[in-house]
N, C-alpha and C. Protein backbone atom coordinates (compact mmCIF):
# COMPACT_ATOMS: atom_id res chain seq x y z
N MET A 1 -2.64 1.54 -16.72
CA MET A 1 -2.56 0.50 -15.73
C MET A 1 -3.96 -0.01 -15.48
N GLY A 2 -4.19 -1.28 -15.65
CA GLY A 2 -5.51 -1.85 -15.42
C GLY A 2 -5.81 -2.01 -13.95
N ASP A 3 -7.09 -2.13 -13.64
CA ASP A 3 -7.45 -2.32 -12.25
C ASP A 3 -8.01 -3.70 -12.01
N ASP A 4 -7.57 -4.66 -12.80
CA ASP A 4 -8.05 -6.03 -12.64
C ASP A 4 -7.68 -6.60 -11.27
N TYR A 5 -6.63 -6.10 -10.66
CA TYR A 5 -6.14 -6.63 -9.39
C TYR A 5 -5.98 -5.49 -8.38
N GLU A 6 -7.05 -4.72 -8.19
CA GLU A 6 -6.99 -3.57 -7.30
C GLU A 6 -7.19 -3.97 -5.84
N VAL A 7 -6.41 -3.33 -4.97
CA VAL A 7 -6.52 -3.53 -3.52
C VAL A 7 -6.50 -2.16 -2.85
N ALA A 8 -6.94 -2.12 -1.60
CA ALA A 8 -6.87 -0.86 -0.85
C ALA A 8 -6.58 -1.17 0.61
N ALA A 9 -5.80 -0.28 1.22
CA ALA A 9 -5.52 -0.32 2.65
C ALA A 9 -5.82 1.07 3.19
N GLY A 10 -6.61 1.13 4.26
CA GLY A 10 -6.99 2.42 4.81
C GLY A 10 -6.88 2.44 6.31
N ALA A 11 -6.61 3.62 6.85
CA ALA A 11 -6.48 3.78 8.30
C ALA A 11 -7.07 5.13 8.71
N GLY A 12 -7.42 5.23 9.99
CA GLY A 12 -7.95 6.48 10.52
C GLY A 12 -9.26 6.84 9.85
N THR A 13 -9.40 8.10 9.48
CA THR A 13 -10.62 8.59 8.85
C THR A 13 -10.83 8.04 7.45
N LEU A 14 -9.84 7.37 6.89
CA LEU A 14 -9.96 6.82 5.54
C LEU A 14 -10.02 5.30 5.55
N ARG A 15 -10.41 4.73 6.69
CA ARG A 15 -10.63 3.28 6.78
C ARG A 15 -11.84 2.90 5.93
N GLU A 16 -11.83 1.69 5.44
CA GLU A 16 -12.97 1.17 4.67
C GLU A 16 -14.06 0.74 5.65
N THR A 17 -15.30 1.12 5.35
CA THR A 17 -16.42 0.76 6.23
C THR A 17 -17.36 -0.25 5.58
N ALA A 18 -17.14 -0.57 4.33
CA ALA A 18 -18.01 -1.50 3.62
C ALA A 18 -17.83 -2.92 4.14
N PRO A 19 -18.90 -3.72 4.08
CA PRO A 19 -18.78 -5.12 4.48
C PRO A 19 -17.71 -5.82 3.63
N GLY A 20 -17.03 -6.74 4.22
CA GLY A 20 -16.00 -7.48 3.52
C GLY A 20 -14.59 -6.97 3.77
N ALA A 21 -14.46 -5.77 4.30
CA ALA A 21 -13.13 -5.26 4.63
C ALA A 21 -12.61 -6.01 5.86
N VAL A 22 -11.35 -6.32 5.85
CA VAL A 22 -10.71 -7.02 6.95
C VAL A 22 -9.87 -6.01 7.73
N THR A 23 -9.90 -6.11 9.05
CA THR A 23 -9.14 -5.18 9.88
C THR A 23 -7.93 -5.90 10.50
N PHE A 24 -6.79 -5.25 10.42
CA PHE A 24 -5.55 -5.74 11.03
C PHE A 24 -5.08 -4.71 12.05
N SER A 25 -4.45 -5.18 13.12
CA SER A 25 -3.87 -4.23 14.07
C SER A 25 -2.73 -3.48 13.37
N HIS A 26 -2.44 -2.29 13.91
CA HIS A 26 -1.48 -1.43 13.24
C HIS A 26 -0.80 -0.56 14.28
N ARG A 27 0.50 -0.48 14.24
CA ARG A 27 1.23 0.25 15.27
C ARG A 27 1.02 1.75 15.24
N TRP A 28 0.57 2.29 14.11
CA TRP A 28 0.43 3.74 13.99
C TRP A 28 -0.99 4.23 14.26
N THR A 29 -1.97 3.33 14.33
CA THR A 29 -3.36 3.75 14.54
C THR A 29 -4.04 2.85 15.55
N ASP A 30 -4.90 3.44 16.39
CA ASP A 30 -5.61 2.68 17.41
C ASP A 30 -6.65 1.73 16.82
N GLU A 31 -7.32 2.15 15.74
CA GLU A 31 -8.40 1.35 15.17
C GLU A 31 -7.91 0.28 14.20
N GLY A 32 -6.66 0.30 13.86
CA GLY A 32 -6.12 -0.66 12.92
C GLY A 32 -6.27 -0.21 11.48
N VAL A 33 -5.91 -1.09 10.57
CA VAL A 33 -5.94 -0.83 9.14
C VAL A 33 -6.98 -1.75 8.52
N THR A 34 -7.79 -1.21 7.62
CA THR A 34 -8.71 -2.05 6.87
C THR A 34 -8.09 -2.39 5.52
N VAL A 35 -8.37 -3.60 5.07
CA VAL A 35 -7.85 -4.08 3.79
C VAL A 35 -9.01 -4.62 2.97
N THR A 36 -9.06 -4.22 1.73
CA THR A 36 -10.00 -4.82 0.78
C THR A 36 -9.17 -5.40 -0.35
N ALA A 37 -9.26 -6.70 -0.50
CA ALA A 37 -8.49 -7.39 -1.54
C ALA A 37 -9.03 -8.80 -1.69
N ALA A 38 -9.02 -9.28 -2.90
CA ALA A 38 -9.30 -10.69 -3.14
C ALA A 38 -8.05 -11.49 -2.75
N PHE A 39 -8.22 -12.76 -2.49
CA PHE A 39 -7.09 -13.57 -2.07
C PHE A 39 -6.53 -14.32 -3.28
N THR A 40 -5.80 -13.57 -4.11
CA THR A 40 -5.06 -14.17 -5.23
C THR A 40 -3.62 -13.68 -5.11
N GLY A 41 -2.72 -14.34 -5.78
CA GLY A 41 -1.32 -13.92 -5.75
C GLY A 41 -1.13 -12.50 -6.24
N ALA A 42 -1.84 -12.14 -7.30
CA ALA A 42 -1.72 -10.78 -7.86
C ALA A 42 -2.18 -9.75 -6.85
N HIS A 43 -3.33 -9.99 -6.23
CA HIS A 43 -3.83 -9.06 -5.22
C HIS A 43 -2.87 -8.96 -4.03
N LEU A 44 -2.33 -10.07 -3.60
CA LEU A 44 -1.42 -10.04 -2.45
C LEU A 44 -0.13 -9.29 -2.76
N LEU A 45 0.37 -9.41 -3.98
CA LEU A 45 1.55 -8.64 -4.37
C LEU A 45 1.24 -7.14 -4.30
N HIS A 46 0.09 -6.76 -4.82
CA HIS A 46 -0.29 -5.35 -4.80
C HIS A 46 -0.57 -4.88 -3.37
N LEU A 47 -1.12 -5.76 -2.55
CA LEU A 47 -1.36 -5.40 -1.15
C LEU A 47 -0.05 -5.18 -0.40
N ALA A 48 0.98 -5.93 -0.74
CA ALA A 48 2.28 -5.71 -0.11
C ALA A 48 2.77 -4.30 -0.40
N VAL A 49 2.58 -3.83 -1.61
CA VAL A 49 2.97 -2.46 -1.96
C VAL A 49 2.11 -1.46 -1.20
N ALA A 50 0.79 -1.63 -1.25
CA ALA A 50 -0.12 -0.69 -0.59
C ALA A 50 0.13 -0.64 0.91
N GLY A 51 0.29 -1.78 1.54
CA GLY A 51 0.51 -1.82 2.99
C GLY A 51 1.82 -1.17 3.39
N CYS A 52 2.85 -1.41 2.63
CA CYS A 52 4.15 -0.81 2.92
C CYS A 52 4.08 0.70 2.77
N VAL A 53 3.46 1.17 1.71
CA VAL A 53 3.35 2.62 1.50
C VAL A 53 2.54 3.25 2.63
N LEU A 54 1.42 2.62 3.02
CA LEU A 54 0.62 3.16 4.11
C LEU A 54 1.45 3.27 5.39
N ASN A 55 2.14 2.21 5.74
CA ASN A 55 3.00 2.24 6.93
C ASN A 55 4.03 3.36 6.86
N ASP A 56 4.65 3.49 5.69
CA ASP A 56 5.72 4.48 5.55
C ASP A 56 5.19 5.91 5.53
N VAL A 57 3.96 6.11 5.07
CA VAL A 57 3.36 7.45 5.15
C VAL A 57 3.25 7.84 6.62
N TYR A 58 2.77 6.93 7.46
CA TYR A 58 2.68 7.23 8.89
C TYR A 58 4.06 7.44 9.51
N ARG A 59 5.00 6.56 9.18
CA ARG A 59 6.34 6.67 9.77
C ARG A 59 7.02 7.98 9.39
N GLU A 60 7.00 8.32 8.11
CA GLU A 60 7.68 9.52 7.66
C GLU A 60 6.96 10.79 8.11
N ALA A 61 5.63 10.73 8.21
CA ALA A 61 4.88 11.88 8.73
C ALA A 61 5.28 12.15 10.18
N ALA A 62 5.48 11.09 10.95
CA ALA A 62 5.90 11.27 12.35
C ALA A 62 7.28 11.92 12.41
N VAL A 63 8.19 11.49 11.54
CA VAL A 63 9.53 12.07 11.49
C VAL A 63 9.47 13.55 11.13
N LEU A 64 8.58 13.90 10.19
CA LEU A 64 8.47 15.28 9.72
C LEU A 64 7.53 16.14 10.57
N GLY A 65 6.88 15.53 11.55
CA GLY A 65 5.97 16.28 12.40
C GLY A 65 4.67 16.66 11.71
N ILE A 66 4.22 15.83 10.77
CA ILE A 66 2.98 16.08 10.04
C ILE A 66 1.85 15.28 10.69
N ARG A 67 0.77 15.95 11.04
CA ARG A 67 -0.39 15.28 11.64
C ARG A 67 -1.18 14.56 10.55
N LEU A 68 -1.53 13.31 10.82
CA LEU A 68 -2.37 12.54 9.91
C LEU A 68 -3.61 12.06 10.65
N ASP A 69 -4.77 12.29 10.06
CA ASP A 69 -6.01 11.73 10.61
C ASP A 69 -6.39 10.46 9.88
N GLY A 70 -5.93 10.31 8.65
CA GLY A 70 -6.24 9.12 7.88
C GLY A 70 -5.36 9.01 6.66
N VAL A 71 -5.17 7.76 6.23
CA VAL A 71 -4.40 7.46 5.01
C VAL A 71 -5.10 6.31 4.30
N ARG A 72 -5.18 6.41 2.98
CA ARG A 72 -5.71 5.31 2.17
C ARG A 72 -4.80 5.14 0.97
N VAL A 73 -4.36 3.92 0.76
CA VAL A 73 -3.50 3.60 -0.38
C VAL A 73 -4.21 2.55 -1.23
N THR A 74 -4.35 2.84 -2.50
CA THR A 74 -4.91 1.90 -3.45
C THR A 74 -3.80 1.50 -4.41
N ALA A 75 -3.67 0.21 -4.64
CA ALA A 75 -2.66 -0.28 -5.59
C ALA A 75 -3.36 -1.15 -6.62
N THR A 76 -2.91 -1.04 -7.84
CA THR A 76 -3.52 -1.79 -8.93
C THR A 76 -2.48 -2.15 -9.97
N GLY A 77 -2.82 -3.06 -10.81
CA GLY A 77 -1.93 -3.45 -11.88
C GLY A 77 -2.47 -4.67 -12.57
N GLY A 78 -1.77 -5.11 -13.56
CA GLY A 78 -2.20 -6.27 -14.33
C GLY A 78 -1.13 -7.33 -14.39
N PHE A 79 -1.49 -8.44 -14.99
CA PHE A 79 -0.55 -9.54 -15.19
C PHE A 79 -0.71 -10.08 -16.59
N ASP A 80 0.41 -10.40 -17.20
CA ASP A 80 0.42 -11.06 -18.50
C ASP A 80 0.34 -12.55 -18.20
N SER A 81 -0.81 -13.16 -18.42
CA SER A 81 -1.00 -14.56 -18.06
C SER A 81 -0.26 -15.52 -18.98
N ASP A 82 0.21 -15.05 -20.14
CA ASP A 82 1.01 -15.91 -21.01
C ASP A 82 2.44 -16.03 -20.48
N ALA A 83 3.00 -14.93 -20.03
CA ALA A 83 4.38 -14.92 -19.54
C ALA A 83 4.45 -15.00 -18.01
N TRP A 84 3.31 -14.89 -17.34
CA TRP A 84 3.24 -14.85 -15.88
C TRP A 84 4.15 -13.78 -15.32
N THR A 85 3.98 -12.59 -15.86
CA THR A 85 4.73 -11.44 -15.37
C THR A 85 3.78 -10.30 -15.07
N SER A 86 4.19 -9.47 -14.15
CA SER A 86 3.42 -8.27 -13.84
C SER A 86 3.55 -7.28 -14.98
N THR A 87 2.47 -6.58 -15.27
CA THR A 87 2.55 -5.51 -16.26
C THR A 87 2.86 -4.18 -15.58
N GLY A 88 3.08 -4.23 -14.28
CA GLY A 88 3.42 -3.05 -13.51
C GLY A 88 2.42 -2.82 -12.40
N ILE A 89 2.83 -2.07 -11.42
CA ILE A 89 1.99 -1.75 -10.27
C ILE A 89 1.97 -0.23 -10.12
N ALA A 90 0.79 0.30 -9.95
CA ALA A 90 0.63 1.74 -9.69
C ALA A 90 -0.09 1.89 -8.36
N TYR A 91 0.26 2.91 -7.61
CA TYR A 91 -0.46 3.15 -6.36
C TYR A 91 -0.80 4.62 -6.22
N ALA A 92 -1.90 4.86 -5.52
CA ALA A 92 -2.36 6.22 -5.25
C ALA A 92 -2.55 6.36 -3.74
N VAL A 93 -2.25 7.54 -3.22
CA VAL A 93 -2.35 7.80 -1.79
C VAL A 93 -3.27 8.98 -1.54
N ARG A 94 -4.21 8.80 -0.62
CA ARG A 94 -5.04 9.90 -0.11
C ARG A 94 -4.66 10.12 1.34
N VAL A 95 -4.52 11.36 1.72
CA VAL A 95 -4.13 11.71 3.09
C VAL A 95 -5.15 12.70 3.63
N ASP A 96 -5.55 12.49 4.88
CA ASP A 96 -6.44 13.40 5.58
C ASP A 96 -5.72 13.90 6.82
N PRO A 97 -5.54 15.19 6.99
CA PRO A 97 -6.00 16.27 6.12
C PRO A 97 -5.01 16.52 4.99
N PRO A 98 -5.53 16.95 3.83
CA PRO A 98 -4.61 17.34 2.76
C PRO A 98 -3.90 18.62 3.18
N GLY A 99 -2.74 18.85 2.64
CA GLY A 99 -2.02 20.06 2.98
C GLY A 99 -0.85 20.29 2.05
N ALA A 100 -0.24 21.43 2.22
CA ALA A 100 0.88 21.82 1.36
C ALA A 100 2.07 20.88 1.52
N ASP A 101 2.24 20.29 2.68
CA ASP A 101 3.40 19.44 2.93
C ASP A 101 3.20 17.99 2.50
N VAL A 102 2.01 17.65 2.02
CA VAL A 102 1.71 16.26 1.66
C VAL A 102 2.53 15.80 0.46
N GLU A 103 2.70 16.63 -0.56
CA GLU A 103 3.44 16.22 -1.75
C GLU A 103 4.89 15.87 -1.41
N ALA A 104 5.52 16.65 -0.54
CA ALA A 104 6.89 16.35 -0.12
C ALA A 104 6.93 15.06 0.68
N LEU A 105 5.92 14.85 1.53
CA LEU A 105 5.83 13.60 2.30
C LEU A 105 5.72 12.41 1.36
N LEU A 106 4.84 12.49 0.36
CA LEU A 106 4.64 11.36 -0.55
C LEU A 106 5.86 11.11 -1.43
N ALA A 107 6.57 12.15 -1.81
CA ALA A 107 7.81 11.97 -2.57
C ALA A 107 8.85 11.26 -1.72
N ARG A 108 8.93 11.64 -0.46
CA ARG A 108 9.87 10.98 0.46
C ARG A 108 9.51 9.51 0.64
N VAL A 109 8.22 9.23 0.81
CA VAL A 109 7.77 7.84 0.98
C VAL A 109 8.08 7.04 -0.27
N ASP A 110 7.83 7.60 -1.44
CA ASP A 110 8.10 6.88 -2.69
C ASP A 110 9.58 6.50 -2.80
N ALA A 111 10.45 7.33 -2.25
CA ALA A 111 11.88 7.06 -2.31
C ALA A 111 12.34 6.01 -1.30
N VAL A 112 11.65 5.90 -0.16
CA VAL A 112 12.15 5.03 0.91
C VAL A 112 11.31 3.77 1.14
N ALA A 113 10.11 3.69 0.62
CA ALA A 113 9.24 2.54 0.89
C ALA A 113 9.92 1.25 0.43
N GLU A 114 10.06 0.33 1.35
CA GLU A 114 10.89 -0.86 1.13
C GLU A 114 10.33 -1.81 0.07
N ILE A 115 9.05 -2.17 0.17
CA ILE A 115 8.49 -3.15 -0.76
C ILE A 115 8.48 -2.60 -2.20
N PRO A 116 8.03 -1.38 -2.44
CA PRO A 116 8.16 -0.88 -3.81
C PRO A 116 9.60 -0.88 -4.31
N ARG A 117 10.54 -0.57 -3.44
CA ARG A 117 11.95 -0.60 -3.86
C ARG A 117 12.39 -2.01 -4.23
N VAL A 118 11.97 -3.00 -3.46
CA VAL A 118 12.33 -4.39 -3.77
C VAL A 118 11.71 -4.82 -5.09
N VAL A 119 10.43 -4.50 -5.29
CA VAL A 119 9.75 -4.89 -6.53
C VAL A 119 10.42 -4.20 -7.72
N ARG A 120 10.74 -2.92 -7.58
CA ARG A 120 11.40 -2.20 -8.68
C ARG A 120 12.75 -2.82 -9.03
N ALA A 121 13.48 -3.28 -8.03
CA ALA A 121 14.82 -3.83 -8.25
C ALA A 121 14.77 -5.28 -8.71
N GLY A 122 13.69 -5.97 -8.40
CA GLY A 122 13.60 -7.40 -8.68
C GLY A 122 14.18 -8.18 -7.51
N ALA A 123 13.67 -9.35 -7.31
CA ALA A 123 14.15 -10.17 -6.20
C ALA A 123 14.13 -11.64 -6.61
N ARG A 124 15.11 -12.36 -6.16
CA ARG A 124 15.13 -13.80 -6.41
C ARG A 124 14.17 -14.44 -5.44
N VAL A 125 13.35 -15.36 -5.92
CA VAL A 125 12.43 -16.12 -5.08
C VAL A 125 12.67 -17.57 -5.39
N GLU A 126 12.86 -18.35 -4.35
CA GLU A 126 13.10 -19.78 -4.56
C GLU A 126 12.44 -20.60 -3.48
N ARG A 127 12.12 -21.82 -3.82
CA ARG A 127 11.52 -22.76 -2.87
C ARG A 127 12.62 -23.41 -2.07
N TRP A 128 12.33 -23.66 -0.79
CA TRP A 128 13.27 -24.38 0.04
C TRP A 128 12.51 -25.45 0.82
N ASP A 129 13.20 -26.51 1.18
CA ASP A 129 12.60 -27.58 1.97
C ASP A 129 13.05 -27.45 3.41
N PRO A 130 12.11 -27.37 4.34
CA PRO A 130 12.49 -27.23 5.76
C PRO A 130 13.11 -28.49 6.31
C-alpha cells in the first residue's frame, strides 16, 4: 500500500503537535482531535476512514471499560489515475496506553467502524440539484 495519500488523526497523548495540524472539537476528548492531511479528494477519503476509526476506538473502549489516554490513526492508500479508482486503503492504530486488551478492542472496531464498512461494501454516489 503506497503512502502517496497519507493522513493522520490523533487525540489525547497522541495528538499531532507539528505546525500545520488542524484541531477539531471531539466528543470523546477535551483537547479535540488533530488532523494532518492535504486537501485533495484522495486525502479526504482516507481521512474519513481514519476519523471514523478513531471515534470508534474511543466509543468501543468506553463500552468495554478500557482507559485511553491517546489514540492515533494513520490511513494511507493509492489511486489509479487512469481508471480513477482507489487501489485500497490501509489504516494503522496506536493506542496509549498499550495493553493486552487493545488487540480485541481493535478487532471489534474493525468489525463495526461505519465508514470502512461502507467503503468495503461500495456506495452509490450521485449528483443532485437542490
